[in-house]
Amino acid sequence: MKIVVDTNIIFSGLLNTNSTIGELLINSKKSFEFYSCNYMRYEIQKHWEKLKKISKLSDQQLTDAQFHLFSRLKFINEDLIPETIWKKALHLTQDIDIDDADFVALTLYLKGHLWTGDKELYNGLKNKQFKKVFNTLELSNYSS
């Protein structure tokens, strides 16, 4: 199953690689193929200092954790996504969080599922009958 991973999942994985999120990313390659978009890399770099502060990890430790998690992801360039899919993603996210349009667009493009820890995004998409979205508990239960 193709799973698009949004930024807050990677944030959580970086803060604790031994968490359920880290476990799913590292040890479920038989069940899932993980994808993300280049925008996620930008968001991680943008919040690097905040991640260091919260995690209390050194630059090297955080870089190592990032490398480990990123090695499980296939990054897709958003420029490959057709305009029709972008329009649908923007429509779905416009009143939730437009910054999540990249992840929704990639999910639609790959015909996959979105994995998010963002409750507002999760609930907003579910309310719009977007069924291809998982939170961590659901994905964990699905992989069991």
N, C-alpha and C. Protein backbone atom coordinates (compact mmCIF):
# COMPACT_ATOMS: atom_id res chain seq x y z
N MET A 1 0.84 -1.18 0.00
CA MET A 1 0.00 0.00 0.00
C MET A 1 0.89 1.24 0.00
N LYS A 2 0.53 2.22 -0.81
CA LYS A 2 1.28 3.47 -0.89
C LYS A 2 0.77 4.43 0.19
N ILE A 3 1.69 4.91 1.00
CA ILE A 3 1.37 5.82 2.10
C ILE A 3 2.16 7.12 1.93
N VAL A 4 1.44 8.23 1.85
CA VAL A 4 2.07 9.55 1.79
C VAL A 4 2.21 10.05 3.23
N VAL A 5 3.42 10.40 3.59
CA VAL A 5 3.75 10.81 4.96
C VAL A 5 3.85 12.33 4.99
N ASP A 6 3.11 12.96 5.90
CA ASP A 6 3.20 14.42 5.98
C ASP A 6 4.24 14.83 7.02
N THR A 7 4.52 16.11 7.07
CA THR A 7 5.63 16.62 7.86
C THR A 7 5.50 16.33 9.34
N ASN A 8 4.30 16.43 9.91
CA ASN A 8 4.21 16.24 11.36
C ASN A 8 4.54 14.81 11.77
N ILE A 9 4.33 13.86 10.87
CA ILE A 9 4.72 12.47 11.16
C ILE A 9 6.25 12.38 11.24
N ILE A 10 6.93 13.02 10.31
CA ILE A 10 8.40 13.00 10.32
C ILE A 10 8.93 13.76 11.53
N PHE A 11 8.31 14.90 11.88
CA PHE A 11 8.71 15.62 13.10
C PHE A 11 8.66 14.66 14.29
N SER A 12 7.55 13.97 14.44
CA SER A 12 7.38 13.05 15.57
C SER A 12 8.40 11.92 15.52
N GLY A 13 8.64 11.40 14.33
CA GLY A 13 9.64 10.35 14.17
C GLY A 13 11.04 10.81 14.52
N LEU A 14 11.36 12.04 14.18
CA LEU A 14 12.68 12.59 14.51
C LEU A 14 12.82 12.82 16.01
N LEU A 15 11.74 13.23 16.64
CA LEU A 15 11.79 13.49 18.08
C LEU A 15 11.91 12.21 18.89
N ASN A 16 11.41 11.10 18.32
CA ASN A 16 11.50 9.82 19.02
C ASN A 16 11.46 8.69 18.00
N THR A 17 12.62 8.25 17.58
CA THR A 17 12.69 7.19 16.56
C THR A 17 12.22 5.85 17.11
N ASN A 18 12.10 5.72 18.42
CA ASN A 18 11.63 4.47 19.03
C ASN A 18 10.12 4.46 19.27
N SER A 19 9.43 5.50 18.80
CA SER A 19 7.99 5.59 18.97
C SER A 19 7.26 4.69 17.98
N THR A 20 5.94 4.63 18.10
CA THR A 20 5.12 3.88 17.15
C THR A 20 5.38 4.38 15.73
N ILE A 21 5.50 5.69 15.59
CA ILE A 21 5.75 6.28 14.27
C ILE A 21 7.09 5.79 13.73
N GLY A 22 8.12 5.87 14.53
CA GLY A 22 9.44 5.39 14.10
C GLY A 22 9.39 3.91 13.75
N GLU A 23 8.72 3.16 14.58
CA GLU A 23 8.58 1.71 14.35
C GLU A 23 7.88 1.43 13.01
N LEU A 24 6.80 2.14 12.75
CA LEU A 24 6.08 1.95 11.48
C LEU A 24 6.96 2.31 10.28
N LEU A 25 7.64 3.44 10.37
CA LEU A 25 8.48 3.87 9.24
C LEU A 25 9.64 2.91 8.99
N ILE A 26 10.24 2.43 10.05
CA ILE A 26 11.44 1.62 9.91
C ILE A 26 11.12 0.15 9.60
N ASN A 27 10.08 -0.39 10.21
CA ASN A 27 9.89 -1.84 10.19
C ASN A 27 8.67 -2.35 9.44
N SER A 28 8.04 -1.55 8.63
CA SER A 28 6.83 -2.05 7.96
C SER A 28 6.96 -2.02 6.44
N LYS A 29 8.16 -2.23 5.94
CA LYS A 29 8.36 -2.15 4.49
C LYS A 29 7.65 -3.27 3.74
N LYS A 30 7.30 -4.35 4.42
CA LYS A 30 6.55 -5.42 3.75
C LYS A 30 5.10 -5.01 3.51
N SER A 31 4.58 -4.12 4.33
CA SER A 31 3.18 -3.70 4.23
C SER A 31 2.99 -2.40 3.46
N PHE A 32 3.95 -1.48 3.61
CA PHE A 32 3.76 -0.13 3.09
C PHE A 32 4.95 0.36 2.28
N GLU A 33 4.65 1.19 1.29
CA GLU A 33 5.66 1.98 0.58
C GLU A 33 5.41 3.42 1.01
N PHE A 34 6.42 4.07 1.58
CA PHE A 34 6.24 5.43 2.08
C PHE A 34 6.75 6.45 1.09
N TYR A 35 5.96 7.50 0.91
CA TYR A 35 6.27 8.59 -0.02
C TYR A 35 6.11 9.92 0.69
N SER A 36 6.77 10.92 0.17
CA SER A 36 6.51 12.29 0.58
C SER A 36 6.92 13.21 -0.56
N CYS A 37 6.65 14.48 -0.36
CA CYS A 37 6.96 15.46 -1.40
C CYS A 37 8.15 16.32 -0.96
N ASN A 38 8.73 16.99 -1.90
CA ASN A 38 9.90 17.82 -1.60
C ASN A 38 9.58 18.93 -0.61
N TYR A 39 8.33 19.37 -0.58
CA TYR A 39 7.92 20.41 0.36
C TYR A 39 8.22 19.98 1.81
N MET A 40 8.10 18.70 2.10
CA MET A 40 8.36 18.22 3.44
C MET A 40 9.81 18.46 3.83
N ARG A 41 10.74 18.25 2.90
CA ARG A 41 12.16 18.51 3.19
C ARG A 41 12.37 19.98 3.57
N TYR A 42 11.70 20.87 2.84
CA TYR A 42 11.78 22.30 3.13
C TYR A 42 11.26 22.59 4.55
N GLU A 43 10.13 21.99 4.90
CA GLU A 43 9.55 22.24 6.23
C GLU A 43 10.47 21.74 7.35
N ILE A 44 11.12 20.60 7.14
CA ILE A 44 12.04 20.08 8.15
C ILE A 44 13.20 21.06 8.34
N GLN A 45 13.78 21.53 7.24
CA GLN A 45 14.89 22.49 7.34
C GLN A 45 14.45 23.79 7.99
N LYS A 46 13.26 24.24 7.65
CA LYS A 46 12.72 25.49 8.19
C LYS A 46 12.60 25.40 9.73
N HIS A 47 12.28 24.23 10.24
CA HIS A 47 12.06 24.05 11.68
C HIS A 47 13.19 23.29 12.37
N TRP A 48 14.35 23.24 11.72
CA TRP A 48 15.49 22.47 12.24
C TRP A 48 15.88 22.88 13.66
N GLU A 49 16.02 24.18 13.89
CA GLU A 49 16.45 24.65 15.22
C GLU A 49 15.42 24.30 16.28
N LYS A 50 14.14 24.39 15.93
CA LYS A 50 13.07 24.03 16.86
C LYS A 50 13.14 22.53 17.17
N LEU A 51 13.38 21.71 16.15
CA LEU A 51 13.52 20.26 16.35
C LEU A 51 14.70 19.94 17.27
N LYS A 52 15.82 20.65 17.07
CA LYS A 52 17.00 20.44 17.92
C LYS A 52 16.68 20.78 19.37
N LYS A 53 15.99 21.90 19.55
CA LYS A 53 15.68 22.37 20.89
C LYS A 53 14.73 21.39 21.61
N ILE A 54 13.67 20.97 20.92
CA ILE A 54 12.69 20.07 21.53
C ILE A 54 13.29 18.69 21.80
N SER A 55 14.05 18.19 20.85
CA SER A 55 14.59 16.83 20.95
C SER A 55 15.80 16.74 21.87
N LYS A 56 16.47 17.88 22.06
CA LYS A 56 17.72 17.93 22.82
C LYS A 56 18.81 17.06 22.17
N LEU A 57 18.70 16.87 20.85
CA LEU A 57 19.70 16.13 20.10
C LEU A 57 20.71 17.11 19.50
N SER A 58 21.92 16.63 19.28
CA SER A 58 22.92 17.45 18.60
C SER A 58 22.57 17.52 17.12
N ASP A 59 23.23 18.42 16.42
CA ASP A 59 23.04 18.50 14.96
C ASP A 59 23.31 17.14 14.32
N GLN A 60 24.39 16.49 14.74
CA GLN A 60 24.77 15.20 14.14
C GLN A 60 23.73 14.12 14.45
N GLN A 61 23.26 14.07 15.69
CA GLN A 61 22.26 13.07 16.05
C GLN A 61 20.96 13.28 15.27
N LEU A 62 20.55 14.53 15.14
CA LEU A 62 19.33 14.83 14.40
C LEU A 62 19.51 14.54 12.92
N THR A 63 20.68 14.87 12.39
CA THR A 63 20.97 14.57 10.99
C THR A 63 20.94 13.06 10.75
N ASP A 64 21.52 12.29 11.68
CA ASP A 64 21.51 10.83 11.55
C ASP A 64 20.08 10.28 11.58
N ALA A 65 19.25 10.81 12.49
CA ALA A 65 17.85 10.37 12.58
C ALA A 65 17.10 10.73 11.30
N GLN A 66 17.36 11.93 10.79
CA GLN A 66 16.72 12.36 9.55
C GLN A 66 17.12 11.45 8.39
N PHE A 67 18.40 11.16 8.28
CA PHE A 67 18.88 10.28 7.22
C PHE A 67 18.20 8.91 7.31
N HIS A 68 18.11 8.39 8.50
CA HIS A 68 17.51 7.07 8.72
C HIS A 68 16.03 7.08 8.29
N LEU A 69 15.28 8.08 8.72
CA LEU A 69 13.86 8.15 8.36
C LEU A 69 13.67 8.44 6.88
N PHE A 70 14.46 9.38 6.35
CA PHE A 70 14.32 9.73 4.93
C PHE A 70 14.68 8.56 4.01
N SER A 71 15.53 7.65 4.50
CA SER A 71 15.91 6.50 3.67
C SER A 71 14.72 5.57 3.43
N ARG A 72 13.70 5.68 4.24
CA ARG A 72 12.48 4.87 4.09
C ARG A 72 11.44 5.53 3.18
N LEU A 73 11.70 6.78 2.77
CA LEU A 73 10.73 7.51 1.95
C LEU A 73 11.19 7.61 0.51
N LYS A 74 10.23 7.58 -0.39
CA LYS A 74 10.49 7.91 -1.79
C LYS A 74 9.93 9.32 -1.98
N PHE A 75 10.81 10.23 -2.37
CA PHE A 75 10.38 11.61 -2.56
C PHE A 75 9.94 11.82 -4.00
N ILE A 76 8.80 12.46 -4.15
CA ILE A 76 8.22 12.74 -5.47
C ILE A 76 8.18 14.25 -5.66
N ASN A 77 8.66 14.68 -6.81
CA ASN A 77 8.63 16.10 -7.15
C ASN A 77 7.19 16.52 -7.45
N GLU A 78 6.72 17.53 -6.77
CA GLU A 78 5.35 18.01 -6.94
C GLU A 78 5.06 18.48 -8.36
N ASP A 79 6.09 18.85 -9.11
CA ASP A 79 5.89 19.31 -10.49
C ASP A 79 5.33 18.21 -11.38
N LEU A 80 5.43 16.96 -10.96
CA LEU A 80 4.91 15.84 -11.74
C LEU A 80 3.39 15.70 -11.63
N ILE A 81 2.82 16.34 -10.64
CA ILE A 81 1.38 16.20 -10.38
C ILE A 81 0.58 17.08 -11.34
N PRO A 82 -0.37 16.49 -12.07
CA PRO A 82 -1.17 17.27 -13.04
C PRO A 82 -2.02 18.35 -12.36
N GLU A 83 -2.30 19.39 -13.12
CA GLU A 83 -3.07 20.53 -12.61
C GLU A 83 -4.45 20.13 -12.11
N THR A 84 -5.08 19.17 -12.76
CA THR A 84 -6.43 18.74 -12.33
C THR A 84 -6.39 18.17 -10.91
N ILE A 85 -5.33 17.45 -10.59
CA ILE A 85 -5.19 16.90 -9.24
C ILE A 85 -4.90 18.01 -8.24
N TRP A 86 -4.06 18.98 -8.64
CA TRP A 86 -3.78 20.12 -7.75
C TRP A 86 -5.07 20.86 -7.41
N LYS A 87 -5.92 21.06 -8.39
CA LYS A 87 -7.18 21.78 -8.15
C LYS A 87 -8.04 21.04 -7.12
N LYS A 88 -8.11 19.73 -7.27
CA LYS A 88 -8.89 18.94 -6.32
C LYS A 88 -8.29 19.02 -4.91
N ALA A 89 -6.95 18.92 -4.82
CA ALA A 89 -6.27 18.99 -3.53
C ALA A 89 -6.46 20.37 -2.87
N LEU A 90 -6.38 21.41 -3.68
CA LEU A 90 -6.58 22.77 -3.14
C LEU A 90 -8.02 22.94 -2.66
N HIS A 91 -8.95 22.37 -3.39
CA HIS A 91 -10.37 22.44 -2.98
C HIS A 91 -10.56 21.71 -1.64
N LEU A 92 -9.93 20.55 -1.49
CA LEU A 92 -10.07 19.78 -0.26
C LEU A 92 -9.43 20.46 0.95
N THR A 93 -8.35 21.20 0.73
CA THR A 93 -7.60 21.76 1.86
C THR A 93 -7.84 23.25 2.09
N GLN A 94 -8.57 23.91 1.20
CA GLN A 94 -8.67 25.38 1.27
C GLN A 94 -9.21 25.91 2.60
N ASP A 95 -10.12 25.20 3.23
CA ASP A 95 -10.65 25.69 4.49
C ASP A 95 -10.15 24.87 5.69
N ILE A 96 -9.13 24.03 5.43
CA ILE A 96 -8.50 23.27 6.52
C ILE A 96 -7.12 23.87 6.76
N ASP A 97 -6.21 23.60 5.84
CA ASP A 97 -4.85 24.18 5.86
C ASP A 97 -4.26 24.01 4.47
N ILE A 98 -4.19 25.10 3.76
CA ILE A 98 -3.73 25.09 2.37
C ILE A 98 -2.29 24.57 2.26
N ASP A 99 -1.52 24.67 3.35
CA ASP A 99 -0.14 24.17 3.33
C ASP A 99 -0.08 22.64 3.21
N ASP A 100 -1.20 21.98 3.44
CA ASP A 100 -1.24 20.52 3.32
C ASP A 100 -1.67 20.07 1.93
N ALA A 101 -1.91 21.00 1.04
CA ALA A 101 -2.34 20.64 -0.32
C ALA A 101 -1.32 19.75 -1.03
N ASP A 102 -0.03 19.98 -0.80
CA ASP A 102 1.01 19.16 -1.43
C ASP A 102 0.83 17.68 -1.09
N PHE A 103 0.57 17.41 0.18
CA PHE A 103 0.44 16.02 0.62
C PHE A 103 -0.84 15.37 0.10
N VAL A 104 -1.91 16.13 0.08
CA VAL A 104 -3.17 15.62 -0.45
C VAL A 104 -3.04 15.39 -1.96
N ALA A 105 -2.40 16.32 -2.66
CA ALA A 105 -2.20 16.18 -4.10
C ALA A 105 -1.37 14.93 -4.40
N LEU A 106 -0.32 14.72 -3.64
CA LEU A 106 0.52 13.54 -3.86
C LEU A 106 -0.27 12.26 -3.57
N THR A 107 -1.09 12.28 -2.54
CA THR A 107 -1.93 11.12 -2.22
C THR A 107 -2.86 10.80 -3.38
N LEU A 108 -3.50 11.82 -3.93
CA LEU A 108 -4.40 11.63 -5.07
C LEU A 108 -3.62 11.12 -6.29
N TYR A 109 -2.47 11.72 -6.53
CA TYR A 109 -1.64 11.37 -7.69
C TYR A 109 -1.19 9.91 -7.64
N LEU A 110 -0.79 9.46 -6.44
CA LEU A 110 -0.29 8.09 -6.28
C LEU A 110 -1.41 7.06 -6.07
N LYS A 111 -2.64 7.59 -5.90
CA LYS A 111 -3.77 6.72 -5.54
C LYS A 111 -3.43 5.93 -4.27
N GLY A 112 -2.89 6.67 -3.31
CA GLY A 112 -2.46 6.07 -2.05
C GLY A 112 -3.32 6.55 -0.89
N HIS A 113 -2.73 6.51 0.28
CA HIS A 113 -3.38 6.97 1.51
C HIS A 113 -2.45 7.99 2.18
N LEU A 114 -3.03 8.95 2.85
CA LEU A 114 -2.27 9.97 3.57
C LEU A 114 -2.17 9.57 5.03
N TRP A 115 -0.97 9.67 5.58
CA TRP A 115 -0.74 9.42 7.01
C TRP A 115 -0.41 10.76 7.65
N THR A 116 -1.27 11.18 8.58
CA THR A 116 -1.06 12.47 9.23
C THR A 116 -1.31 12.37 10.73
N GLY A 117 -0.62 13.20 11.46
CA GLY A 117 -0.86 13.35 12.89
C GLY A 117 -1.58 14.65 13.18
N ASP A 118 -1.93 15.37 12.14
CA ASP A 118 -2.62 16.66 12.25
C ASP A 118 -4.12 16.40 12.37
N LYS A 119 -4.64 16.54 13.59
CA LYS A 119 -6.05 16.23 13.84
C LYS A 119 -6.99 17.11 13.02
N GLU A 120 -6.63 18.37 12.84
CA GLU A 120 -7.48 19.27 12.06
C GLU A 120 -7.56 18.81 10.60
N LEU A 121 -6.43 18.44 10.03
CA LEU A 121 -6.41 17.94 8.66
C LEU A 121 -7.17 16.62 8.56
N TYR A 122 -6.88 15.70 9.46
CA TYR A 122 -7.53 14.39 9.47
C TYR A 122 -9.06 14.55 9.53
N ASN A 123 -9.53 15.29 10.52
CA ASN A 123 -10.98 15.47 10.69
C ASN A 123 -11.60 16.24 9.53
N GLY A 124 -10.90 17.27 9.05
CA GLY A 124 -11.40 18.06 7.93
C GLY A 124 -11.57 17.22 6.67
N LEU A 125 -10.58 16.38 6.39
CA LEU A 125 -10.67 15.52 5.20
C LEU A 125 -11.76 14.46 5.37
N LYS A 126 -11.86 13.88 6.56
CA LYS A 126 -12.91 12.89 6.82
C LYS A 126 -14.29 13.52 6.65
N ASN A 127 -14.44 14.75 7.13
CA ASN A 127 -15.72 15.46 6.99
C ASN A 127 -16.08 15.72 5.54
N LYS A 128 -15.07 15.76 4.68
CA LYS A 128 -15.29 15.96 3.25
C LYS A 128 -15.36 14.64 2.50
N GLN A 129 -15.54 13.56 3.24
CA GLN A 129 -15.65 12.21 2.67
C GLN A 129 -14.38 11.73 1.98
N PHE A 130 -13.23 12.32 2.34
CA PHE A 130 -11.95 11.85 1.85
C PHE A 130 -11.55 10.68 2.73
N LYS A 131 -11.67 9.50 2.22
CA LYS A 131 -11.52 8.30 3.04
C LYS A 131 -10.09 7.76 3.08
N LYS A 132 -9.23 8.27 2.26
CA LYS A 132 -7.87 7.72 2.16
C LYS A 132 -6.90 8.48 3.06
N VAL A 133 -7.27 8.57 4.33
CA VAL A 133 -6.42 9.24 5.31
C VAL A 133 -6.38 8.39 6.58
N PHE A 134 -5.18 8.22 7.12
CA PHE A 134 -4.96 7.46 8.35
C PHE A 134 -4.34 8.35 9.41
N ASN A 135 -4.68 8.10 10.68
CA ASN A 135 -3.87 8.62 11.76
C ASN A 135 -2.93 7.48 12.18
N THR A 136 -2.06 7.73 13.12
CA THR A 136 -1.05 6.73 13.48
C THR A 136 -1.67 5.46 14.05
N LEU A 137 -2.67 5.61 14.91
CA LEU A 137 -3.31 4.43 15.49
C LEU A 137 -3.94 3.55 14.40
N GLU A 138 -4.65 4.17 13.46
CA GLU A 138 -5.28 3.40 12.38
C GLU A 138 -4.23 2.68 11.52
N LEU A 139 -3.15 3.39 11.20
CA LEU A 139 -2.11 2.77 10.37
C LEU A 139 -1.45 1.62 11.13
N SER A 140 -1.21 1.82 12.41
CA SER A 140 -0.61 0.79 13.25
C SER A 140 -1.52 -0.45 13.31
N ASN A 141 -2.80 -0.23 13.48
CA ASN A 141 -3.76 -1.34 13.52
C ASN A 141 -3.83 -2.04 12.16
N TYR A 142 -3.74 -1.27 11.10
CA TYR A 142 -3.81 -1.81 9.75
C TYR A 142 -2.61 -2.72 9.47
N SER A 143 -1.46 -2.34 10.01
CA SER A 143 -0.23 -3.10 9.73
C SER A 143 -0.14 -4.37 10.59
N SER A 144 -0.94 -4.46 11.63
CA SER A 144 -0.86 -5.61 12.55
C SER A 144 -1.45 -6.87 11.92
